[in-house]
């Protein structure tokens, strides 16, 4: 399976996309989880959103951490494999590396500006119905 986002139908909230198949819930509502018995394990969701997505994109150089791969990595502000699932949605990215080179540093001024811009894009995408434009009114 491959996990991913369908922007602009789905807001750009990658950690929500990782958590939702696990807990089958919408944190913005008080509704019970949808078909909770169909939830994936944390490992399955992480593989789906890393190796599975890379496989779908025919990208054999990324998606896993092993010798010979490009070293496209994110350094998170907490251990995604150990925090409660409800906390996965709030994880932050400290660094992003592409081919082993840091392209995002959350501590740098430009990194904070990019993070704010990404948050703004997520807000723009929230609540839209399928087929709506992400650029309406811009």
N, C-alpha and C. Protein backbone atom coordinates (compact mmCIF):
# COMPACT_ATOMS: atom_id res chain seq x y z
N UNK A 1 0.84 -1.18 0.00
CA UNK A 1 0.00 0.00 0.00
C UNK A 1 0.88 1.23 0.00
N UNK A 2 0.36 2.29 -0.58
CA UNK A 2 1.06 3.57 -0.58
C UNK A 2 0.19 4.61 0.10
N UNK A 3 0.79 5.37 0.96
CA UNK A 3 0.10 6.47 1.62
C UNK A 3 0.50 7.76 0.97
N UNK A 4 -0.36 8.74 1.04
CA UNK A 4 -0.02 10.03 0.47
C UNK A 4 -1.14 11.02 0.68
N UNK A 5 -1.03 12.11 -0.01
CA UNK A 5 -1.97 13.21 0.14
C UNK A 5 -2.55 13.54 -1.21
N UNK A 6 -3.77 13.99 -1.21
CA UNK A 6 -4.47 14.34 -2.44
C UNK A 6 -4.79 15.83 -2.40
N UNK A 7 -3.75 16.64 -2.36
CA UNK A 7 -3.92 18.08 -2.35
C UNK A 7 -4.56 18.48 -3.67
N UNK A 8 -5.56 19.30 -3.74
CA UNK A 8 -6.12 20.14 -2.70
C UNK A 8 -7.32 19.53 -1.98
N UNK A 9 -7.67 18.29 -2.27
CA UNK A 9 -8.81 17.67 -1.60
C UNK A 9 -8.53 17.48 -0.11
N UNK A 10 -7.31 17.14 0.19
CA UNK A 10 -6.87 16.82 1.54
C UNK A 10 -5.89 17.89 2.01
N UNK A 11 -6.06 18.46 3.19
CA UNK A 11 -5.09 19.45 3.64
C UNK A 11 -3.70 18.82 3.81
N UNK A 12 -2.68 19.62 3.64
CA UNK A 12 -1.31 19.14 3.74
C UNK A 12 -0.91 18.96 5.20
N UNK A 13 -1.36 17.88 5.78
CA UNK A 13 -1.06 17.56 7.17
C UNK A 13 -0.50 16.14 7.23
N UNK A 14 0.78 15.97 6.88
CA UNK A 14 1.32 14.62 6.73
C UNK A 14 1.23 13.76 7.98
N UNK A 15 1.39 14.33 9.16
CA UNK A 15 1.35 13.49 10.35
C UNK A 15 -0.09 13.08 10.69
N UNK A 16 -1.06 13.87 10.27
CA UNK A 16 -2.45 13.44 10.38
C UNK A 16 -2.69 12.27 9.45
N UNK A 17 -2.10 12.33 8.26
CA UNK A 17 -2.25 11.23 7.30
C UNK A 17 -1.62 9.94 7.82
N UNK A 18 -0.58 10.06 8.62
CA UNK A 18 0.05 8.87 9.20
C UNK A 18 -0.78 8.34 10.36
N UNK A 19 -1.35 9.22 11.18
CA UNK A 19 -2.10 8.80 12.37
C UNK A 19 -3.49 8.25 12.04
N UNK A 20 -4.15 8.82 11.06
CA UNK A 20 -5.55 8.45 10.78
C UNK A 20 -5.74 6.98 10.45
N UNK A 21 -4.89 6.33 9.64
CA UNK A 21 -5.12 4.90 9.40
C UNK A 21 -4.90 4.04 10.65
N UNK A 22 -4.21 4.59 11.64
CA UNK A 22 -3.96 3.85 12.88
C UNK A 22 -5.17 3.96 13.81
N UNK A 23 -5.58 5.19 14.09
CA UNK A 23 -6.67 5.36 15.08
C UNK A 23 -8.05 5.55 14.45
N UNK A 24 -8.09 5.69 13.12
CA UNK A 24 -9.37 5.77 12.37
C UNK A 24 -10.28 6.86 12.91
N UNK A 25 -9.70 7.96 13.38
CA UNK A 25 -10.54 9.00 13.97
C UNK A 25 -10.22 10.36 13.36
N UNK A 26 -11.13 11.27 13.57
CA UNK A 26 -10.97 12.66 13.18
C UNK A 26 -10.86 13.46 14.47
N UNK A 27 -9.68 14.00 14.76
CA UNK A 27 -9.50 14.70 16.04
C UNK A 27 -10.33 15.97 16.16
N UNK A 28 -10.92 16.42 15.06
CA UNK A 28 -11.72 17.65 15.09
C UNK A 28 -13.17 17.39 15.45
N UNK A 29 -13.53 16.12 15.64
CA UNK A 29 -14.91 15.79 16.01
C UNK A 29 -14.90 14.89 17.24
N UNK A 30 -16.07 14.73 17.83
CA UNK A 30 -16.22 13.84 18.98
C UNK A 30 -16.78 12.49 18.56
N UNK A 31 -16.78 12.21 17.26
CA UNK A 31 -17.33 10.96 16.77
C UNK A 31 -16.40 9.80 17.09
N UNK A 32 -16.95 8.61 17.28
CA UNK A 32 -16.10 7.44 17.53
C UNK A 32 -15.29 7.11 16.27
N UNK A 33 -14.20 6.36 16.42
CA UNK A 33 -13.40 5.98 15.26
C UNK A 33 -14.25 5.24 14.22
N UNK A 34 -13.96 5.46 12.95
CA UNK A 34 -14.67 4.80 11.87
C UNK A 34 -14.07 3.41 11.65
N UNK A 35 -14.87 2.39 11.86
CA UNK A 35 -14.42 1.00 11.66
C UNK A 35 -13.07 0.76 12.31
N UNK A 36 -12.98 0.99 13.61
CA UNK A 36 -11.73 0.91 14.35
C UNK A 36 -11.00 -0.42 14.14
N UNK A 37 -11.75 -1.50 13.95
CA UNK A 37 -11.12 -2.81 13.76
C UNK A 37 -10.31 -2.87 12.46
N UNK A 38 -10.55 -1.93 11.54
CA UNK A 38 -9.80 -1.90 10.28
C UNK A 38 -8.53 -1.06 10.37
N UNK A 39 -8.22 -0.54 11.54
CA UNK A 39 -7.03 0.29 11.71
C UNK A 39 -5.75 -0.47 11.42
N UNK A 40 -4.77 0.25 10.93
CA UNK A 40 -3.45 -0.32 10.67
C UNK A 40 -2.58 -0.20 11.92
N UNK A 41 -1.50 -0.95 11.95
CA UNK A 41 -0.53 -0.76 13.02
C UNK A 41 0.30 0.49 12.69
N UNK A 42 0.98 1.00 13.68
CA UNK A 42 1.84 2.17 13.45
C UNK A 42 2.91 1.82 12.41
N UNK A 43 3.48 0.64 12.52
CA UNK A 43 4.51 0.21 11.56
C UNK A 43 3.94 0.17 10.14
N UNK A 44 2.75 -0.39 9.98
CA UNK A 44 2.14 -0.46 8.66
C UNK A 44 1.92 0.94 8.08
N UNK A 45 1.44 1.86 8.89
CA UNK A 45 1.19 3.22 8.40
C UNK A 45 2.49 3.91 8.02
N UNK A 46 3.53 3.75 8.83
CA UNK A 46 4.81 4.38 8.51
C UNK A 46 5.41 3.80 7.23
N UNK A 47 5.34 2.50 7.06
CA UNK A 47 5.85 1.87 5.84
C UNK A 47 5.04 2.35 4.64
N UNK A 48 3.74 2.43 4.80
CA UNK A 48 2.85 2.87 3.72
C UNK A 48 3.22 4.29 3.25
N UNK A 49 3.59 5.15 4.20
CA UNK A 49 3.87 6.54 3.88
C UNK A 49 5.33 6.81 3.55
N UNK A 50 6.18 5.80 3.61
CA UNK A 50 7.60 5.97 3.27
C UNK A 50 7.94 5.03 2.10
N UNK A 51 8.23 3.79 2.40
CA UNK A 51 8.62 2.83 1.36
C UNK A 51 7.49 2.60 0.36
N UNK A 52 6.26 2.53 0.84
CA UNK A 52 5.13 2.31 -0.08
C UNK A 52 4.94 3.46 -1.05
N UNK A 53 5.05 4.69 -0.55
CA UNK A 53 4.90 5.85 -1.43
C UNK A 53 6.06 5.93 -2.43
N UNK A 54 7.28 5.64 -1.97
CA UNK A 54 8.43 5.65 -2.89
C UNK A 54 8.26 4.59 -3.97
N UNK A 55 7.78 3.41 -3.59
CA UNK A 55 7.54 2.34 -4.57
C UNK A 55 6.50 2.78 -5.61
N UNK A 56 5.42 3.39 -5.15
CA UNK A 56 4.38 3.83 -6.07
C UNK A 56 4.93 4.85 -7.07
N UNK A 57 5.86 5.68 -6.61
CA UNK A 57 6.45 6.71 -7.47
C UNK A 57 7.64 6.18 -8.28
N UNK A 58 7.86 4.87 -8.23
CA UNK A 58 8.96 4.22 -8.95
C UNK A 58 10.30 4.84 -8.56
N UNK A 59 10.46 5.13 -7.27
CA UNK A 59 11.67 5.76 -6.75
C UNK A 59 12.40 4.77 -5.86
N UNK A 60 13.27 3.98 -6.44
CA UNK A 60 14.01 2.98 -5.69
C UNK A 60 15.14 3.55 -4.85
N UNK A 61 15.40 4.87 -4.96
CA UNK A 61 16.48 5.48 -4.21
C UNK A 61 16.06 6.10 -2.90
N UNK A 62 14.77 6.01 -2.57
CA UNK A 62 14.30 6.60 -1.31
C UNK A 62 13.23 5.71 -0.70
N UNK A 63 12.74 6.13 0.45
CA UNK A 63 11.66 5.41 1.11
C UNK A 63 12.12 4.52 2.25
N UNK A 64 13.40 4.18 2.28
CA UNK A 64 13.96 3.39 3.36
C UNK A 64 15.34 3.95 3.72
N UNK A 65 15.81 3.59 4.91
CA UNK A 65 17.14 3.99 5.34
C UNK A 65 18.04 2.76 5.25
N UNK A 66 18.94 2.78 4.28
CA UNK A 66 19.88 1.68 4.11
C UNK A 66 20.99 2.13 3.16
N UNK A 67 22.10 1.41 3.15
CA UNK A 67 23.21 1.80 2.26
C UNK A 67 22.74 1.86 0.80
N UNK A 68 23.21 2.88 0.11
CA UNK A 68 22.87 3.05 -1.31
C UNK A 68 21.67 3.95 -1.55
N UNK A 69 20.90 4.24 -0.52
CA UNK A 69 19.76 5.14 -0.66
C UNK A 69 20.25 6.59 -0.62
N UNK A 70 19.40 7.52 -1.05
CA UNK A 70 19.79 8.93 -1.18
C UNK A 70 19.90 9.68 0.14
N UNK A 71 19.41 9.20 1.20
CA UNK A 71 19.40 9.91 2.49
C UNK A 71 18.46 11.09 2.43
N UNK A 72 17.23 10.84 1.96
CA UNK A 72 16.14 11.81 2.07
C UNK A 72 15.48 11.52 3.41
N UNK A 73 15.71 12.38 4.39
CA UNK A 73 15.29 12.11 5.76
C UNK A 73 14.68 13.33 6.41
N UNK A 74 13.89 13.07 7.44
CA UNK A 74 13.40 14.13 8.32
C UNK A 74 13.82 13.80 9.73
N UNK A 75 14.25 14.81 10.48
CA UNK A 75 14.54 14.67 11.89
C UNK A 75 13.36 15.31 12.61
N UNK A 76 12.67 14.53 13.41
CA UNK A 76 11.44 14.98 14.07
C UNK A 76 11.72 15.47 15.48
N UNK A 77 10.76 16.20 16.05
CA UNK A 77 10.95 16.73 17.40
C UNK A 77 10.62 15.71 18.49
N UNK A 78 10.15 14.54 18.10
CA UNK A 78 9.92 13.44 19.05
C UNK A 78 9.89 12.13 18.29
N UNK A 79 9.94 11.04 19.00
CA UNK A 79 10.02 9.71 18.39
C UNK A 79 8.63 9.26 17.95
N UNK A 80 8.41 9.26 16.65
CA UNK A 80 7.09 8.91 16.10
C UNK A 80 6.70 7.47 16.41
N UNK A 81 7.66 6.63 16.72
CA UNK A 81 7.35 5.23 17.02
C UNK A 81 6.97 5.01 18.47
N UNK A 82 7.13 6.03 19.32
CA UNK A 82 6.88 5.85 20.75
C UNK A 82 5.82 6.78 21.35
N UNK A 83 5.53 7.90 20.71
CA UNK A 83 4.53 8.81 21.29
C UNK A 83 3.15 8.19 21.15
N UNK A 84 2.21 8.56 22.02
CA UNK A 84 0.83 8.09 21.83
C UNK A 84 0.33 8.50 20.44
N UNK A 85 -0.47 7.66 19.83
CA UNK A 85 -0.94 7.94 18.47
C UNK A 85 -1.62 9.31 18.39
N UNK A 86 -2.35 9.69 19.44
CA UNK A 86 -3.02 10.99 19.42
C UNK A 86 -2.03 12.14 19.31
N UNK A 87 -0.77 11.91 19.71
CA UNK A 87 0.25 12.95 19.64
C UNK A 87 1.01 12.98 18.32
N UNK A 88 0.82 11.97 17.48
CA UNK A 88 1.52 11.92 16.19
C UNK A 88 1.16 13.15 15.35
N UNK A 89 -0.09 13.56 15.38
CA UNK A 89 -0.54 14.69 14.56
C UNK A 89 0.19 15.99 14.88
N UNK A 90 0.74 16.11 16.08
CA UNK A 90 1.40 17.35 16.51
C UNK A 90 2.91 17.30 16.36
N UNK A 91 3.45 16.26 15.76
CA UNK A 91 4.90 16.15 15.60
C UNK A 91 5.39 17.27 14.68
N UNK A 92 6.55 17.80 15.00
CA UNK A 92 7.16 18.84 14.18
C UNK A 92 8.45 18.33 13.53
N UNK A 93 8.79 18.93 12.42
CA UNK A 93 10.01 18.58 11.69
C UNK A 93 11.10 19.57 12.08
N UNK A 94 12.20 19.06 12.60
CA UNK A 94 13.33 19.91 12.97
C UNK A 94 14.25 20.15 11.78
N UNK A 95 14.54 19.09 11.03
CA UNK A 95 15.41 19.18 9.86
C UNK A 95 14.83 18.31 8.76
N UNK A 96 15.06 18.72 7.53
CA UNK A 96 14.77 17.89 6.38
C UNK A 96 16.06 17.80 5.57
N UNK A 97 16.42 16.58 5.20
CA UNK A 97 17.60 16.35 4.38
C UNK A 97 17.18 15.74 3.05
N UNK A 98 17.72 16.25 1.97
CA UNK A 98 17.53 15.67 0.65
C UNK A 98 18.92 15.28 0.15
N UNK A 99 19.06 14.02 -0.19
CA UNK A 99 20.37 13.47 -0.58
C UNK A 99 21.44 13.80 0.46
N UNK A 100 21.05 13.78 1.73
CA UNK A 100 21.98 14.00 2.82
C UNK A 100 22.30 15.46 3.10
N UNK A 101 21.72 16.38 2.34
CA UNK A 101 21.98 17.81 2.53
C UNK A 101 20.80 18.45 3.24
N UNK A 102 21.07 19.24 4.30
CA UNK A 102 19.99 19.89 5.05
C UNK A 102 19.36 20.96 4.16
N UNK A 103 18.04 20.81 3.91
CA UNK A 103 17.31 21.80 3.12
C UNK A 103 16.28 22.54 3.96
N UNK A 104 16.09 22.08 5.19
CA UNK A 104 15.19 22.77 6.13
C UNK A 104 15.75 22.62 7.52
N UNK A 105 15.84 23.75 8.21
CA UNK A 105 16.27 23.77 9.62
C UNK A 105 15.25 24.63 10.35
N UNK A 106 14.44 24.02 11.20
CA UNK A 106 13.36 24.74 11.88
C UNK A 106 13.88 25.85 12.79
N UNK A 107 15.14 25.74 13.22
CA UNK A 107 15.69 26.77 14.10
C UNK A 107 16.12 28.02 13.33
N UNK A 108 16.34 27.89 12.04
CA UNK A 108 16.78 29.03 11.23
C UNK A 108 15.58 29.91 10.88
N UNK A 109 15.83 31.18 10.66
CA UNK A 109 14.75 32.12 10.33
C UNK A 109 14.01 31.68 9.07
N UNK A 110 14.73 31.26 8.04
CA UNK A 110 14.06 30.82 6.82
C UNK A 110 13.27 29.54 7.06
N UNK A 111 13.79 28.68 7.94
CA UNK A 111 13.06 27.45 8.27
C UNK A 111 11.75 27.75 8.96
N UNK A 112 11.76 28.70 9.88
CA UNK A 112 10.52 29.09 10.57
C UNK A 112 9.54 29.72 9.59
N UNK A 113 10.04 30.54 8.67
CA UNK A 113 9.16 31.17 7.68
C UNK A 113 8.53 30.12 6.77
N UNK A 114 9.31 29.12 6.37
CA UNK A 114 8.76 28.05 5.53
C UNK A 114 7.72 27.24 6.29
N UNK A 115 7.99 26.97 7.56
CA UNK A 115 7.04 26.22 8.38
C UNK A 115 5.74 27.00 8.52
N UNK A 116 5.83 28.30 8.71
CA UNK A 116 4.62 29.13 8.81
C UNK A 116 3.87 29.12 7.48
N UNK A 117 4.59 29.19 6.37
CA UNK A 117 3.94 29.16 5.04
C UNK A 117 3.26 27.81 4.82
N UNK A 118 3.92 26.72 5.23
CA UNK A 118 3.31 25.40 5.09
C UNK A 118 2.05 25.28 5.94
N UNK A 119 2.09 25.83 7.15
CA UNK A 119 0.91 25.81 8.02
C UNK A 119 -0.22 26.59 7.36
N UNK A 120 0.12 27.72 6.75
CA UNK A 120 -0.89 28.53 6.07
C UNK A 120 -1.52 27.73 4.92
N UNK A 121 -0.69 26.98 4.18
CA UNK A 121 -1.22 26.16 3.09
C UNK A 121 -2.17 25.10 3.63
N UNK A 122 -1.84 24.52 4.79
CA UNK A 122 -2.72 23.52 5.39
C UNK A 122 -4.05 24.14 5.78
N UNK A 123 -4.01 25.35 6.32
CA UNK A 123 -5.24 26.03 6.69
C UNK A 123 -6.07 26.32 5.46
N UNK A 124 -5.42 26.72 4.37
CA UNK A 124 -6.15 26.98 3.13
C UNK A 124 -6.85 25.73 2.63
N UNK A 125 -6.22 24.56 2.84
CA UNK A 125 -6.79 23.33 2.34
C UNK A 125 -7.85 22.73 3.23
N UNK A 126 -7.91 23.14 4.48
CA UNK A 126 -8.85 22.54 5.42
C UNK A 126 -10.28 22.91 5.07
N UNK A 127 -11.16 21.96 5.15
CA UNK A 127 -12.59 22.22 5.00
C UNK A 127 -13.09 22.33 3.57
N UNK A 128 -12.23 22.15 2.59
CA UNK A 128 -12.69 22.24 1.20
C UNK A 128 -13.35 20.94 0.80
N UNK A 129 -14.24 21.04 -0.14
CA UNK A 129 -14.86 19.84 -0.70
C UNK A 129 -14.12 19.45 -1.96
N UNK A 130 -14.19 18.18 -2.34
CA UNK A 130 -13.50 17.74 -3.55
C UNK A 130 -13.86 18.63 -4.75
N UNK A 131 -12.85 18.96 -5.53
CA UNK A 131 -13.03 19.77 -6.71
C UNK A 131 -12.83 21.25 -6.47
N UNK A 132 -12.82 21.68 -5.22
CA UNK A 132 -12.55 23.09 -4.93
C UNK A 132 -11.11 23.41 -5.31
N UNK A 133 -10.89 24.64 -5.73
CA UNK A 133 -9.54 25.08 -6.06
C UNK A 133 -8.81 25.54 -4.82
N UNK A 134 -7.53 25.22 -4.75
CA UNK A 134 -6.72 25.70 -3.63
C UNK A 134 -6.34 27.15 -3.84
N UNK A 135 -6.55 27.68 -4.99
CA UNK A 135 -6.09 29.03 -5.31
C UNK A 135 -7.22 30.04 -5.44
N UNK A 136 -8.43 29.66 -5.15
CA UNK A 136 -9.55 30.58 -5.27
C UNK A 136 -9.33 31.78 -4.36
N UNK A 137 -9.54 32.96 -4.89
CA UNK A 137 -9.41 34.16 -4.10
C UNK A 137 -8.00 34.66 -3.98
N UNK A 138 -7.06 34.04 -4.68
CA UNK A 138 -5.66 34.49 -4.62
C UNK A 138 -5.31 35.18 -5.90
